C-alpha atoms as a PDB file:
ATOM      1  CA  UNK A   1      52.311  85.408  -2.573  1.00  0.00           C
ATOM      2  CA  UNK A   2      51.318  88.715  -0.994  1.00  0.00           C
ATOM      3  CA  UNK A   3      48.981  89.417   1.886  1.00  0.00           C
ATOM      4  CA  UNK A   4      45.376  88.210   1.775  1.00  0.00           C
ATOM      5  CA  UNK A   5      42.368  89.836   3.445  1.00  0.00           C
ATOM      6  CA  UNK A   6      40.279  92.978   2.995  1.00  0.00           C
ATOM      7  CA  UNK A   7      41.785  96.145   1.552  1.00  0.00           C
ATOM      8  CA  UNK A   8      39.220  98.912   1.132  1.00  0.00           C
ATOM      9  CA  UNK A   9      36.693  97.696  -1.491  1.00  0.00           C
ATOM     10  CA  UNK A  10      38.813  94.629  -2.374  1.00  0.00           C
ATOM     11  CA  UNK A  11      39.217  91.272  -0.715  1.00  0.00           C
ATOM     12  CA  UNK A  12      42.030  88.904  -1.661  1.00  0.00           C
ATOM     13  CA  UNK A  13      40.801  85.362  -1.061  1.00  0.00           C
ATOM     14  CA  UNK A  14      43.939  83.528  -2.169  1.00  0.00           C
ATOM     15  CA  UNK A  15      46.692  83.842  -4.761  1.00  0.00           C
ATOM     16  CA  UNK A  16      44.311  83.384  -7.696  1.00  0.00           C
ATOM     17  CA  UNK A  17      41.031  84.872  -6.420  1.00  0.00           C
ATOM     18  CA  UNK A  18      40.091  88.478  -5.636  1.00  0.00           C
ATOM     19  CA  UNK A  19      36.715  90.120  -5.003  1.00  0.00           C
ATOM     20  CA  UNK A  20      35.918  93.737  -5.786  1.00  0.00           C
ATOM     21  CA  UNK A  21      32.830  95.388  -4.275  1.00  0.00           C
ATOM     22  CA  UNK A  22      31.724  97.636  -7.106  1.00  0.00           C
ATOM     23  CA  UNK A  23      30.538 101.208  -6.761  1.00  0.00           C
ATOM     24  CA  UNK A  24      29.292 104.018  -8.971  1.00  0.00           C
ATOM     25  CA  UNK A  25      32.737 104.941 -10.329  1.00  0.00           C
ATOM     26  CA  UNK A  26      33.443 101.324 -11.330  1.00  0.00           C
ATOM     27  CA  UNK A  27      30.644 101.486 -13.908  1.00  0.00           C
ATOM     28  CA  UNK A  28      30.760 105.175 -14.846  1.00  0.00           C
ATOM     29  CA  UNK A  29      34.505 105.525 -15.344  1.00  0.00           C
ATOM     30  CA  UNK A  30      35.260 101.930 -16.523  1.00  0.00           C
ATOM     31  CA  UNK A  31      37.871 101.429 -13.876  1.00  0.00           C
ATOM     32  CA  UNK A  32      38.813 100.798 -10.286  1.00  0.00           C
ATOM     33  CA  UNK A  33      41.434 101.882  -7.823  1.00  0.00           C
ATOM     34  CA  UNK A  34      44.013  99.214  -6.962  1.00  0.00           C
ATOM     35  CA  UNK A  35      45.355  99.572  -3.386  1.00  0.00           C
ATOM     36  CA  UNK A  36      49.114  99.198  -3.097  1.00  0.00           C
ATOM     37  CA  UNK A  37      48.575  96.206  -0.780  1.00  0.00           C
ATOM     38  CA  UNK A  38      47.101  94.169  -3.636  1.00  0.00           C
ATOM     39  CA  UNK A  39      49.348  95.221  -6.508  1.00  0.00           C
ATOM     40  CA  UNK A  40      51.067  91.837  -6.219  1.00  0.00           C
ATOM     41  CA  UNK A  41      47.839  90.135  -7.317  1.00  0.00           C
ATOM     42  CA  UNK A  42      48.091  91.958 -10.653  1.00  0.00           C
ATOM     43  CA  UNK A  43      51.890  91.529 -10.891  1.00  0.00           C
ATOM     44  CA  UNK A  44      52.379  95.278 -10.603  1.00  0.00           C
ATOM     45  CA  UNK A  45      54.347  95.640  -7.348  1.00  0.00           C
ATOM     46  CA  UNK A  46      57.130  97.584  -9.090  1.00  0.00           C
ATOM     47  CA  UNK A  47      54.970  99.833 -11.256  1.00  0.00           C
ATOM     48  CA  UNK A  48      56.387 103.343 -11.710  1.00  0.00           C
ATOM     49  CA  UNK A  49      54.740 106.746 -12.149  1.00  0.00           C
ATOM     50  CA  UNK A  50      53.231 107.025 -15.615  1.00  0.00           C
ATOM     51  CA  UNK A  51      53.750 103.340 -16.383  1.00  0.00           C
ATOM     52  CA  UNK A  52      51.027 101.072 -17.801  1.00  0.00           C
ATOM     53  CA  UNK A  53      50.915  97.291 -17.381  1.00  0.00           C
ATOM     54  CA  UNK A  54      48.617  95.522 -19.894  1.00  0.00           C
ATOM     55  CA  UNK A  55      45.978  93.033 -18.737  1.00  0.00           C
ATOM     56  CA  UNK A  56      43.609  90.686 -20.499  1.00  0.00           C
ATOM     57  CA  UNK A  57      40.176  90.281 -18.911  1.00  0.00           C
ATOM     58  CA  UNK A  58      38.093  87.301 -19.990  1.00  0.00           C
ATOM     59  CA  UNK A  59      34.371  87.901 -19.612  1.00  0.00           C
ATOM     60  CA  UNK A  60      31.778  85.447 -20.925  1.00  0.00           C
ATOM     61  CA  UNK A  61      34.588  83.656 -22.766  1.00  0.00           C
ATOM     62  CA  UNK A  62      35.567  86.808 -24.699  1.00  0.00           C
ATOM     63  CA  UNK A  63      38.868  88.657 -24.275  1.00  0.00           C
ATOM     64  CA  UNK A  64      39.016  92.373 -23.481  1.00  0.00           C
ATOM     65  CA  UNK A  65      42.044  94.627 -23.177  1.00  0.00           C
ATOM     66  CA  UNK A  66      42.678  96.467 -19.927  1.00  0.00           C
ATOM     67  CA  UNK A  67      45.650  97.878 -18.051  1.00  0.00           C
ATOM     68  CA  UNK A  68      47.012  98.897 -14.669  1.00  0.00           C
ATOM     69  CA  UNK A  69      48.533 102.359 -14.489  1.00  0.00           C
ATOM     70  CA  UNK A  70      50.099 104.622 -11.918  1.00  0.00           C
ATOM     71  CA  UNK A  71      49.214 108.287 -12.151  1.00  0.00           C
ATOM     72  CA  UNK A  72      51.998 110.753 -12.843  1.00  0.00           C
ATOM     73  CA  UNK A  73      51.170 112.891  -9.830  1.00  0.00           C
ATOM     74  CA  UNK A  74      52.097 113.401  -6.216  1.00  0.00           C
ATOM     75  CA  UNK A  75      49.329 110.984  -5.208  1.00  0.00           C
ATOM     76  CA  UNK A  76      50.856 108.107  -7.243  1.00  0.00           C
ATOM     77  CA  UNK A  77      47.552 106.248  -7.246  1.00  0.00           C
ATOM     78  CA  UNK A  78      47.325 102.911  -9.012  1.00  0.00           C
ATOM     79  CA  UNK A  79      44.223 102.275 -11.101  1.00  0.00           C
ATOM     80  CA  UNK A  80      42.841  99.661 -13.464  1.00  0.00           C
ATOM     81  CA  UNK A  81      41.013 100.678 -16.638  1.00  0.00           C
ATOM     82  CA  UNK A  82      39.246  98.810 -19.426  1.00  0.00           C
ATOM     83  CA  UNK A  83      37.788  99.980 -22.725  1.00  0.00           C
ATOM     84  CA  UNK A  84      34.254 100.901 -23.749  1.00  0.00           C
ATOM     85  CA  UNK A  85      33.495  97.471 -25.227  1.00  0.00           C
ATOM     86  CA  UNK A  86      33.736  95.888 -21.786  1.00  0.00           C
ATOM     87  CA  UNK A  87      32.024  98.864 -20.146  1.00  0.00           C
ATOM     88  CA  UNK A  88      28.945  98.202 -22.281  1.00  0.00           C
ATOM     89  CA  UNK A  89      28.867  94.595 -21.054  1.00  0.00           C
ATOM     90  CA  UNK A  90      29.208  95.702 -17.441  1.00  0.00           C
ATOM     91  CA  UNK A  91      26.462  98.323 -17.841  1.00  0.00           C
ATOM     92  CA  UNK A  92      24.072  95.585 -18.963  1.00  0.00           C
ATOM     93  CA  UNK A  93      24.967  93.581 -15.864  1.00  0.00           C
ATOM     94  CA  UNK A  94      24.192  96.527 -13.613  1.00  0.00           C
ATOM     95  CA  UNK A  95      20.832  97.105 -15.289  1.00  0.00           C
ATOM     96  CA  UNK A  96      19.835  93.430 -14.964  1.00  0.00           C
ATOM     97  CA  UNK A  97      21.179  93.228 -11.423  1.00  0.00           C
ATOM     98  CA  UNK A  98      18.983  96.092 -10.239  1.00  0.00           C
ATOM     99  CA  UNK A  99      16.009  94.737 -12.149  1.00  0.00           C
ATOM    100  CA  UNK A 100      16.349  91.360 -10.432  1.00  0.00           C
ATOM    101  CA  UNK A 101      16.674  92.996  -7.027  1.00  0.00           C
ATOM    102  CA  UNK A 102      13.770  95.347  -7.672  1.00  0.00           C
ATOM    103  CA  UNK A 103      15.898  98.338  -6.636  1.00  0.00           C
ATOM    104  CA  UNK A 104      17.071 101.486  -8.356  1.00  0.00           C
ATOM    105  CA  UNK A 105      20.370 101.531  -6.473  1.00  0.00           C
ATOM    106  CA  UNK A 106      22.958  99.006  -5.406  1.00  0.00           C
ATOM    107  CA  UNK A 107      25.948  97.371  -7.032  1.00  0.00           C
ATOM    108  CA  UNK A 108      27.090  93.767  -7.466  1.00  0.00           C
ATOM    109  CA  UNK A 109      30.552  92.423  -6.698  1.00  0.00           C
ATOM    110  CA  UNK A 110      32.961  91.040  -9.266  1.00  0.00           C
ATOM    111  CA  UNK A 111      35.408  88.159  -8.953  1.00  0.00           C
ATOM    112  CA  UNK A 112      38.844  88.171 -10.588  1.00  0.00           C
ATOM    113  CA  UNK A 113      40.398  84.741 -11.113  1.00  0.00           C
ATOM    114  CA  UNK A 114      44.015  84.678 -12.244  1.00  0.00           C
ATOM    115  CA  UNK A 115      44.395  82.233 -15.126  1.00  0.00           C
ATOM    116  CA  UNK A 116      48.008  82.722 -16.178  1.00  0.00           C
ATOM    117  CA  UNK A 117      50.388  85.615 -16.742  1.00  0.00           C
ATOM    118  CA  UNK A 118      48.432  88.839 -17.114  1.00  0.00           C
ATOM    119  CA  UNK A 119      45.138  87.075 -17.934  1.00  0.00           C
ATOM    120  CA  UNK A 120      42.181  87.120 -15.542  1.00  0.00           C
ATOM    121  CA  UNK A 121      38.685  85.710 -15.827  1.00  0.00           C
ATOM    122  CA  UNK A 122      36.051  88.069 -14.414  1.00  0.00           C
ATOM    123  CA  UNK A 123      32.471  87.307 -13.429  1.00  0.00           C
ATOM    124  CA  UNK A 124      29.880  89.086 -11.341  1.00  0.00           C
ATOM    125  CA  UNK A 125      28.726  87.475  -8.130  1.00  0.00           C
ATOM    126  CA  UNK A 126      26.062  88.082  -5.499  1.00  0.00           C
ATOM    127  CA  UNK A 127      26.799  90.334  -2.571  1.00  0.00           C
ATOM    128  CA  UNK A 128      26.108  87.425  -0.196  1.00  0.00           C
ATOM    129  CA  UNK A 129      28.724  85.179  -1.833  1.00  0.00           C
ATOM    130  CA  UNK A 130      31.530  85.716   0.684  1.00  0.00           C
ATOM    131  CA  UNK A 131      29.293  84.767   3.582  1.00  0.00           C
ATOM    132  CA  UNK A 132      28.383  81.376   2.118  1.00  0.00           C
ATOM    133  CA  UNK A 133      31.203  78.986   2.957  1.00  0.00           C
ATOM    134  CA  UNK A 134      29.584  76.213   0.937  1.00  0.00           C
ATOM    135  CA  UNK A 135      30.368  78.048  -2.308  1.00  0.00           C
ATOM    136  CA  UNK A 136      33.770  77.425  -3.787  1.00  0.00           C
ATOM    137  CA  UNK A 137      35.381  80.529  -5.373  1.00  0.00           C
ATOM    138  CA  UNK A 138      36.632  78.394  -8.280  1.00  0.00           C
ATOM    139  CA  UNK A 139      33.104  77.395  -9.260  1.00  0.00           C
ATOM    140  CA  UNK A 140      30.336  79.157 -11.144  1.00  0.00           C
ATOM    141  CA  UNK A 141      26.930  78.408  -9.669  1.00  0.00           C
ATOM    142  CA  UNK A 142      23.587  80.100  -9.127  1.00  0.00           C
ATOM    143  CA  UNK A 143      22.453  81.128  -5.674  1.00  0.00           C
ATOM    144  CA  UNK A 144      18.814  81.726  -4.770  1.00  0.00           C
ATOM    145  CA  UNK A 145      18.141  82.530  -1.127  1.00  0.00           C
ATOM    146  CA  UNK A 146      14.951  82.807   0.887  1.00  0.00           C
ATOM    147  CA  UNK A 147      15.102  85.930   3.056  1.00  0.00           C
ATOM    148  CA  UNK A 148      12.259  86.190   5.617  1.00  0.00           C
ATOM    149  CA  UNK A 149       9.869  84.382   3.291  1.00  0.00           C
ATOM    150  CA  UNK A 150      10.579  86.631   0.302  1.00  0.00           C
ATOM    151  CA  UNK A 151      12.543  85.186  -2.577  1.00  0.00           C
ATOM    152  CA  UNK A 152      15.672  87.137  -3.431  1.00  0.00           C
ATOM    153  CA  UNK A 153      17.538  86.380  -6.657  1.00  0.00           C
ATOM    154  CA  UNK A 154      21.208  87.242  -6.906  1.00  0.00           C
ATOM    155  CA  UNK A 155      22.459  88.110 -10.396  1.00  0.00           C
ATOM    156  CA  UNK A 156      25.405  86.168 -11.773  1.00  0.00           C
ATOM    157  CA  UNK A 157      26.732  85.094 -15.187  1.00  0.00           C
ATOM    158  CA  UNK A 158      26.344  81.677 -16.852  1.00  0.00           C
ATOM    159  CA  UNK A 159      24.973  80.352 -13.595  1.00  0.00           C
ATOM    160  CA  UNK A 160      21.812  78.538 -14.620  1.00  0.00           C
ATOM    161  CA  UNK A 161      23.642  76.263 -17.039  1.00  0.00           C
ATOM    162  CA  UNK A 162      26.483  75.622 -14.591  1.00  0.00           C
ATOM    163  CA  UNK A 163      24.127  74.880 -11.708  1.00  0.00           C
ATOM    164  CA  UNK A 164      22.235  72.226 -13.662  1.00  0.00           C
ATOM    165  CA  UNK A 165      25.439  70.693 -14.980  1.00  0.00           C
ATOM    166  CA  UNK A 166      26.853  70.598 -11.459  1.00  0.00           C
ATOM    167  CA  UNK A 167      23.871  68.567 -10.244  1.00  0.00           C
ATOM    168  CA  UNK A 168      24.157  66.204 -13.202  1.00  0.00           C
ATOM    169  CA  UNK A 169      27.910  65.759 -12.627  1.00  0.00           C
ATOM    170  CA  UNK A 170      27.389  64.801  -8.983  1.00  0.00           C
ATOM    171  CA  UNK A 171      24.624  62.378  -9.939  1.00  0.00           C
ATOM    172  CA  UNK A 172      26.929  60.741 -12.505  1.00  0.00           C
ATOM    173  CA  UNK A 173      30.251  60.801 -10.652  1.00  0.00           C
ATOM    174  CA  UNK A 174      29.154  60.726  -7.031  1.00  0.00           C
ATOM    175  CA  UNK A 175      30.604  62.651  -4.101  1.00  0.00           C
ATOM    176  CA  UNK A 176      33.929  60.828  -3.766  1.00  0.00           C
ATOM    177  CA  UNK A 177      37.046  62.641  -5.032  1.00  0.00           C
ATOM    178  CA  UNK A 178      38.150  61.156  -8.344  1.00  0.00           C
ATOM    179  CA  UNK A 179      41.835  61.793  -7.496  1.00  0.00           C
ATOM    180  CA  UNK A 180      42.361  60.848  -3.835  1.00  0.00           C
ATOM    181  CA  UNK A 181      39.101  58.992  -3.084  1.00  0.00           C
ATOM    182  CA  UNK A 182      38.266  61.346  -0.200  1.00  0.00           C
ATOM    183  CA  UNK A 183      34.626  61.333   0.899  1.00  0.00           C
ATOM    184  CA  UNK A 184      33.299  64.247   2.969  1.00  0.00           C
ATOM    185  CA  UNK A 185      30.525  62.250   4.601  1.00  0.00           C
ATOM    186  CA  UNK A 186      32.963  59.550   5.750  1.00  0.00           C
ATOM    187  CA  UNK A 187      35.204  62.229   7.279  1.00  0.00           C
ATOM    188  CA  UNK A 188      32.613  64.626   8.728  1.00  0.00           C
ATOM    189  CA  UNK A 189      29.436  62.578   9.056  1.00  0.00           C
ATOM    190  CA  UNK A 190      26.127  64.328   8.425  1.00  0.00           C
ATOM    191  CA  UNK A 191      27.919  67.671   7.984  1.00  0.00           C
ATOM    192  CA  UNK A 192      29.754  66.401   4.909  1.00  0.00           C
ATOM    193  CA  UNK A 193      26.834  64.541   3.342  1.00  0.00           C
ATOM    194  CA  UNK A 194      26.366  65.277  -0.394  1.00  0.00           C
ATOM    195  CA  UNK A 195      29.248  67.778  -0.423  1.00  0.00           C
ATOM    196  CA  UNK A 196      31.837  67.789  -3.228  1.00  0.00           C
ATOM    197  CA  UNK A 197      33.378  70.334  -5.604  1.00  0.00           C
ATOM    198  CA  UNK A 198      32.908  70.169  -9.371  1.00  0.00           C
ATOM    199  CA  UNK A 199      35.760  70.959 -11.749  1.00  0.00           C
ATOM    200  CA  UNK A 200      35.641  71.791 -15.470  1.00  0.00           C
ATOM    201  CA  UNK A 201      38.275  69.675 -17.225  1.00  0.00           C
ATOM    202  CA  UNK A 202      38.350  72.323 -19.954  1.00  0.00           C
ATOM    203  CA  UNK A 203      38.392  75.880 -18.534  1.00  0.00           C
ATOM    204  CA  UNK A 204      35.516  77.905 -19.956  1.00  0.00           C
ATOM    205  CA  UNK A 205      37.853  80.701 -21.026  1.00  0.00           C
ATOM    206  CA  UNK A 206      39.701  78.278 -23.338  1.00  0.00           C
ATOM    207  CA  UNK A 207      36.603  77.528 -25.416  1.00  0.00           C
ATOM    208  CA  UNK A 208      36.456  79.647 -28.560  1.00  0.00           C
ATOM    209  CA  UNK A 209      32.699  79.303 -28.975  1.00  0.00           C
ATOM    210  CA  UNK A 210      29.832  78.608 -26.623  1.00  0.00           C
ATOM    211  CA  UNK A 211      29.453  74.853 -26.340  1.00  0.00           C
ATOM    212  CA  UNK A 212      27.162  72.425 -24.579  1.00  0.00           C
ATOM    213  CA  UNK A 213      28.904  71.009 -21.520  1.00  0.00           C
ATOM    214  CA  UNK A 214      28.730  67.230 -21.141  1.00  0.00           C
ATOM    215  CA  UNK A 215      28.665  66.561 -17.359  1.00  0.00           C
ATOM    216  CA  UNK A 216      29.947  63.022 -17.835  1.00  0.00           C
ATOM    217  CA  UNK A 217      32.987  63.939 -19.938  1.00  0.00           C
ATOM    218  CA  UNK A 218      33.675  67.620 -19.162  1.00  0.00           C
ATOM    219  CA  UNK A 219      33.118  67.710 -15.392  1.00  0.00           C
ATOM    220  CA  UNK A 220      34.726  65.776 -12.534  1.00  0.00           C
ATOM    221  CA  UNK A 221      34.160  65.718  -8.772  1.00  0.00           C
ATOM    222  CA  UNK A 222      37.083  66.684  -6.543  1.00  0.00           C
ATOM    223  CA  UNK A 223      37.730  67.268  -2.867  1.00  0.00           C
ATOM    224  CA  UNK A 224      38.737  70.813  -1.904  1.00  0.00           C
ATOM    225  CA  UNK A 225      42.432  69.949  -1.560  1.00  0.00           C
ATOM    226  CA  UNK A 226      42.759  68.295  -4.955  1.00  0.00           C
ATOM    227  CA  UNK A 227      40.739  71.065  -6.589  1.00  0.00           C
ATOM    228  CA  UNK A 228      43.082  73.700  -5.179  1.00  0.00           C
ATOM    229  CA  UNK A 229      46.146  71.777  -6.283  1.00  0.00           C
ATOM    230  CA  UNK A 230      44.835  71.511  -9.838  1.00  0.00           C
ATOM    231  CA  UNK A 231      44.568  75.326  -9.889  1.00  0.00           C
ATOM    232  CA  UNK A 232      47.750  75.854  -7.841  1.00  0.00           C
ATOM    233  CA  UNK A 233      50.030  76.988 -10.676  1.00  0.00           C
ATOM    234  CA  UNK A 234      49.235  80.291 -12.291  1.00  0.00           C
ATOM    235  CA  UNK A 235      50.688  79.331 -15.654  1.00  0.00           C
ATOM    236  CA  UNK A 236      49.200  75.842 -15.980  1.00  0.00           C
ATOM    237  CA  UNK A 237      46.037  74.193 -14.707  1.00  0.00           C
ATOM    238  CA  UNK A 238      46.837  70.541 -14.076  1.00  0.00           C
ATOM    239  CA  UNK A 239      44.769  67.740 -15.527  1.00  0.00           C
ATOM    240  CA  UNK A 240      43.238  65.098 -13.291  1.00  0.00           C
ATOM    241  CA  UNK A 241      45.713  62.568 -14.681  1.00  0.00           C
ATOM    242  CA  UNK A 242      48.689  64.814 -13.905  1.00  0.00           C
ATOM    243  CA  UNK A 243      47.571  65.293 -10.313  1.00  0.00           C
ATOM    244  CA  UNK A 244      47.047  61.536  -9.923  1.00  0.00           C
ATOM    245  CA  UNK A 245      50.585  60.937 -11.153  1.00  0.00           C
ATOM    246  CA  UNK A 246      51.974  63.404  -8.617  1.00  0.00           C
ATOM    247  CA  UNK A 247      50.129  61.685  -5.783  1.00  0.00           C
ATOM    248  CA  UNK A 248      51.182  58.229  -6.963  1.00  0.00           C
ATOM    249  CA  UNK A 249      54.838  59.337  -7.057  1.00  0.00           C
ATOM    250  CA  UNK A 250      54.511  60.718  -3.533  1.00  0.00           C
ATOM    251  CA  UNK A 251      52.938  57.489  -2.257  1.00  0.00           C
ATOM    252  CA  UNK A 252      55.907  55.448  -3.522  1.00  0.00           C
ATOM    253  CA  UNK A 253      58.251  57.333  -1.217  1.00  0.00           C
ATOM    254  CA  UNK A 254      55.861  57.663   1.733  1.00  0.00           C
END
């Protein structure tokens, strides 16, 4: 794993999550610069001048082709580009984002989540997302903040459905981790009351068509540690049963 932190308009959260603060060129030129400090995130540390490394970007459960390339010039800049089909989708996001904010200018941020190999799920997020520690970067939820009495909506994708399903999942499954039985309120008192993370047992990118999520069967409640461990491997997201087996094996030798 490479270095995490802020690098120009990028922030690397962890080994599977990166945030890009978009700007005018991101939308106009269907691409973004990739600082050399974060090349590892896109498995392109050893890229050479003139070389292209293919990527697959999953947006709204559809696959789009993209690539990382290094310019054949003295600057040797590394950039990511995608095709016009994805640009059209992103342009719609920008238009709706500004409409919701009631502004003619401004740009949203986008989250890259590494799924496996050269495949990344991308989704737009609110500019306030990184400042809200209650939001888990693995989850897709809607945020609606009150700022000095005026309601401010932050544009995202698929959020309304996910937010409602999240509430239903917690109501059905409770706030105790299904794997390790951890309870935030028991550990942290009032601070941890009603807190839990919700995990999709079937990643949204793996669904060929849009489907109705069943909160009882398709969602589970996990503590932060177990949730991270399920997503720990880049090439394989563990099932709840697999993680339980790992913990049971460890407990035998404890």
